[in-house]
């Protein structure tokens, strides 16, 4: 889950050992813990049984991605790199010419087939 899931846990004088250690350090530095409102999200399908119950899944509808989103995912520049320019052409083909459905939604497997 990375380094930030513990921000969900309030820093107080009771509880888990690490939380109490953080509370003690704050007191030594004459600081007070501030309550913050956090939500912890992991990609859908990556939450395991050992993750805390407060972790929520997230996912994206790839049909809402534009060409620049895809370029960012693949680390391409659609203006200066041949691979990025090809991606742009494929994106336009799939989005505007790739099917005759009334819906403009597309899926990742459909994009790969194009």
C-alpha atoms as a PDB file:
ATOM      1  CA  UNK A   1       0.000   0.000   0.000  1.00  0.00           C
ATOM      2  CA  UNK A   2       2.946   2.336   0.026  1.00  0.00           C
ATOM      3  CA  UNK A   3       3.968   4.704   2.762  1.00  0.00           C
ATOM      4  CA  UNK A   4       0.854   6.754   3.291  1.00  0.00           C
ATOM      5  CA  UNK A   5      -1.837   4.358   4.491  1.00  0.00           C
ATOM      6  CA  UNK A   6      -0.835   5.034   8.093  1.00  0.00           C
ATOM      7  CA  UNK A   7      -2.110   8.629   7.750  1.00  0.00           C
ATOM      8  CA  UNK A   8      -5.528   7.102   8.334  1.00  0.00           C
ATOM      9  CA  UNK A   9      -4.568   6.235  11.914  1.00  0.00           C
ATOM     10  CA  UNK A  10      -4.866   9.084  14.438  1.00  0.00           C
ATOM     11  CA  UNK A  11      -1.716   9.845  16.441  1.00  0.00           C
ATOM     12  CA  UNK A  12      -2.619   9.438  20.115  1.00  0.00           C
ATOM     13  CA  UNK A  13      -1.141   8.254  23.386  1.00  0.00           C
ATOM     14  CA  UNK A  14      -2.786   4.827  23.185  1.00  0.00           C
ATOM     15  CA  UNK A  15      -2.928   2.161  20.525  1.00  0.00           C
ATOM     16  CA  UNK A  16      -0.324   0.525  18.344  1.00  0.00           C
ATOM     17  CA  UNK A  17       3.339   0.802  19.324  1.00  0.00           C
ATOM     18  CA  UNK A  18       4.362   2.917  16.295  1.00  0.00           C
ATOM     19  CA  UNK A  19       1.470   5.347  16.871  1.00  0.00           C
ATOM     20  CA  UNK A  20       2.436   5.795  20.523  1.00  0.00           C
ATOM     21  CA  UNK A  21       6.072   6.392  19.453  1.00  0.00           C
ATOM     22  CA  UNK A  22       4.911   9.113  17.040  1.00  0.00           C
ATOM     23  CA  UNK A  23       2.795  10.681  19.777  1.00  0.00           C
ATOM     24  CA  UNK A  24       5.793  10.675  22.149  1.00  0.00           C
ATOM     25  CA  UNK A  25       7.992  12.373  19.532  1.00  0.00           C
ATOM     26  CA  UNK A  26       5.383  15.052  18.933  1.00  0.00           C
ATOM     27  CA  UNK A  27       5.147  15.781  22.642  1.00  0.00           C
ATOM     28  CA  UNK A  28       8.953  15.951  22.926  1.00  0.00           C
ATOM     29  CA  UNK A  29       8.971  18.574  20.142  1.00  0.00           C
ATOM     30  CA  UNK A  30       6.069  20.472  21.782  1.00  0.00           C
ATOM     31  CA  UNK A  31       3.775  19.736  18.851  1.00  0.00           C
ATOM     32  CA  UNK A  32       0.179  18.581  18.791  1.00  0.00           C
ATOM     33  CA  UNK A  33      -1.239  15.966  16.461  1.00  0.00           C
ATOM     34  CA  UNK A  34      -3.856  17.311  14.079  1.00  0.00           C
ATOM     35  CA  UNK A  35      -6.816  15.263  12.959  1.00  0.00           C
ATOM     36  CA  UNK A  36      -6.979  14.907   9.217  1.00  0.00           C
ATOM     37  CA  UNK A  37      -9.646  13.350   7.070  1.00  0.00           C
ATOM     38  CA  UNK A  38      -8.134  10.706   4.822  1.00  0.00           C
ATOM     39  CA  UNK A  39      -9.351   7.926   2.603  1.00  0.00           C
ATOM     40  CA  UNK A  40      -7.061   5.178   1.374  1.00  0.00           C
ATOM     41  CA  UNK A  41      -7.646   3.810  -2.137  1.00  0.00           C
ATOM     42  CA  UNK A  42      -5.975   0.929  -3.962  1.00  0.00           C
ATOM     43  CA  UNK A  43      -6.535  -0.232  -7.539  1.00  0.00           C
ATOM     44  CA  UNK A  44      -9.453  -2.630  -7.766  1.00  0.00           C
ATOM     45  CA  UNK A  45      -8.183  -6.197  -7.589  1.00  0.00           C
ATOM     46  CA  UNK A  46      -5.072  -5.318  -5.550  1.00  0.00           C
ATOM     47  CA  UNK A  47      -6.659  -5.255  -2.094  1.00  0.00           C
ATOM     48  CA  UNK A  48      -5.578  -8.270  -0.082  1.00  0.00           C
ATOM     49  CA  UNK A  49      -7.000  -9.967   2.993  1.00  0.00           C
ATOM     50  CA  UNK A  50      -4.261  -8.397   5.117  1.00  0.00           C
ATOM     51  CA  UNK A  51      -5.123  -4.815   4.149  1.00  0.00           C
ATOM     52  CA  UNK A  52      -7.087  -2.847   6.739  1.00  0.00           C
ATOM     53  CA  UNK A  53     -10.861  -2.752   6.301  1.00  0.00           C
ATOM     54  CA  UNK A  54     -10.865   1.006   5.612  1.00  0.00           C
ATOM     55  CA  UNK A  55      -9.061   0.573   2.256  1.00  0.00           C
ATOM     56  CA  UNK A  56     -11.385   1.243  -0.715  1.00  0.00           C
ATOM     57  CA  UNK A  57     -11.027   0.012  -4.305  1.00  0.00           C
ATOM     58  CA  UNK A  58     -10.871   2.332  -7.310  1.00  0.00           C
ATOM     59  CA  UNK A  59     -10.875   1.871 -11.053  1.00  0.00           C
ATOM     60  CA  UNK A  60     -11.101   3.963 -14.197  1.00  0.00           C
ATOM     61  CA  UNK A  61     -13.384   3.663 -17.186  1.00  0.00           C
ATOM     62  CA  UNK A  62     -10.831   3.595 -19.986  1.00  0.00           C
ATOM     63  CA  UNK A  63     -13.423   4.927 -22.409  1.00  0.00           C
ATOM     64  CA  UNK A  64     -13.079   8.248 -20.600  1.00  0.00           C
ATOM     65  CA  UNK A  65      -9.334   8.467 -21.337  1.00  0.00           C
ATOM     66  CA  UNK A  66      -8.266  10.879 -24.051  1.00  0.00           C
ATOM     67  CA  UNK A  67      -5.208  10.484 -26.246  1.00  0.00           C
ATOM     68  CA  UNK A  68      -2.955  12.395 -23.859  1.00  0.00           C
ATOM     69  CA  UNK A  69      -4.023  10.129 -20.973  1.00  0.00           C
ATOM     70  CA  UNK A  70      -2.911   7.087 -22.966  1.00  0.00           C
ATOM     71  CA  UNK A  71       0.340   8.827 -23.932  1.00  0.00           C
ATOM     72  CA  UNK A  72       1.046   9.574 -20.265  1.00  0.00           C
ATOM     73  CA  UNK A  73       0.390   5.951 -19.303  1.00  0.00           C
ATOM     74  CA  UNK A  74       2.825   4.693 -21.953  1.00  0.00           C
ATOM     75  CA  UNK A  75       5.330   7.508 -21.385  1.00  0.00           C
ATOM     76  CA  UNK A  76       5.012   8.847 -24.944  1.00  0.00           C
ATOM     77  CA  UNK A  77       4.992  12.311 -26.457  1.00  0.00           C
ATOM     78  CA  UNK A  78       2.277  12.485 -29.120  1.00  0.00           C
ATOM     79  CA  UNK A  79       3.879  15.520 -30.772  1.00  0.00           C
ATOM     80  CA  UNK A  80       7.552  14.598 -31.071  1.00  0.00           C
ATOM     81  CA  UNK A  81       7.864  10.803 -30.876  1.00  0.00           C
ATOM     82  CA  UNK A  82       6.902   8.454 -33.712  1.00  0.00           C
ATOM     83  CA  UNK A  83       5.376   5.992 -31.218  1.00  0.00           C
ATOM     84  CA  UNK A  84       3.311   8.805 -29.717  1.00  0.00           C
ATOM     85  CA  UNK A  85       2.145   9.922 -33.146  1.00  0.00           C
ATOM     86  CA  UNK A  86       1.139   6.341 -33.950  1.00  0.00           C
ATOM     87  CA  UNK A  87      -0.743   6.163 -30.664  1.00  0.00           C
ATOM     88  CA  UNK A  88      -2.577   9.357 -31.604  1.00  0.00           C
ATOM     89  CA  UNK A  89      -3.560   7.912 -34.985  1.00  0.00           C
ATOM     90  CA  UNK A  90      -4.749   4.650 -33.423  1.00  0.00           C
ATOM     91  CA  UNK A  91      -6.693   6.555 -30.772  1.00  0.00           C
ATOM     92  CA  UNK A  92      -8.465   8.636 -33.436  1.00  0.00           C
ATOM     93  CA  UNK A  93      -9.219   5.530 -35.501  1.00  0.00           C
ATOM     94  CA  UNK A  94     -10.744   3.673 -32.564  1.00  0.00           C
ATOM     95  CA  UNK A  95     -12.605   6.650 -31.167  1.00  0.00           C
ATOM     96  CA  UNK A  96     -14.062   8.031 -34.392  1.00  0.00           C
ATOM     97  CA  UNK A  97     -13.925   5.267 -37.008  1.00  0.00           C
ATOM     98  CA  UNK A  98     -13.486   2.032 -35.058  1.00  0.00           C
ATOM     99  CA  UNK A  99     -17.108   0.950 -34.750  1.00  0.00           C
ATOM    100  CA  UNK A 100     -20.611   1.813 -35.821  1.00  0.00           C
ATOM    101  CA  UNK A 101     -22.240   1.675 -32.409  1.00  0.00           C
ATOM    102  CA  UNK A 102     -24.280   4.617 -31.184  1.00  0.00           C
ATOM    103  CA  UNK A 103     -22.154   4.572 -28.054  1.00  0.00           C
ATOM    104  CA  UNK A 104     -18.781   6.295 -28.052  1.00  0.00           C
ATOM    105  CA  UNK A 105     -17.474   3.985 -25.302  1.00  0.00           C
ATOM    106  CA  UNK A 106     -14.562   1.743 -26.079  1.00  0.00           C
ATOM    107  CA  UNK A 107     -12.615  -0.760 -24.035  1.00  0.00           C
ATOM    108  CA  UNK A 108      -8.926  -1.535 -23.729  1.00  0.00           C
ATOM    109  CA  UNK A 109      -9.222  -4.930 -25.511  1.00  0.00           C
ATOM    110  CA  UNK A 110     -11.092  -3.223 -28.364  1.00  0.00           C
ATOM    111  CA  UNK A 111      -8.321  -0.625 -28.640  1.00  0.00           C
ATOM    112  CA  UNK A 112      -5.641  -3.309 -28.828  1.00  0.00           C
ATOM    113  CA  UNK A 113      -7.558  -5.123 -31.598  1.00  0.00           C
ATOM    114  CA  UNK A 114      -7.630  -1.954 -33.691  1.00  0.00           C
END
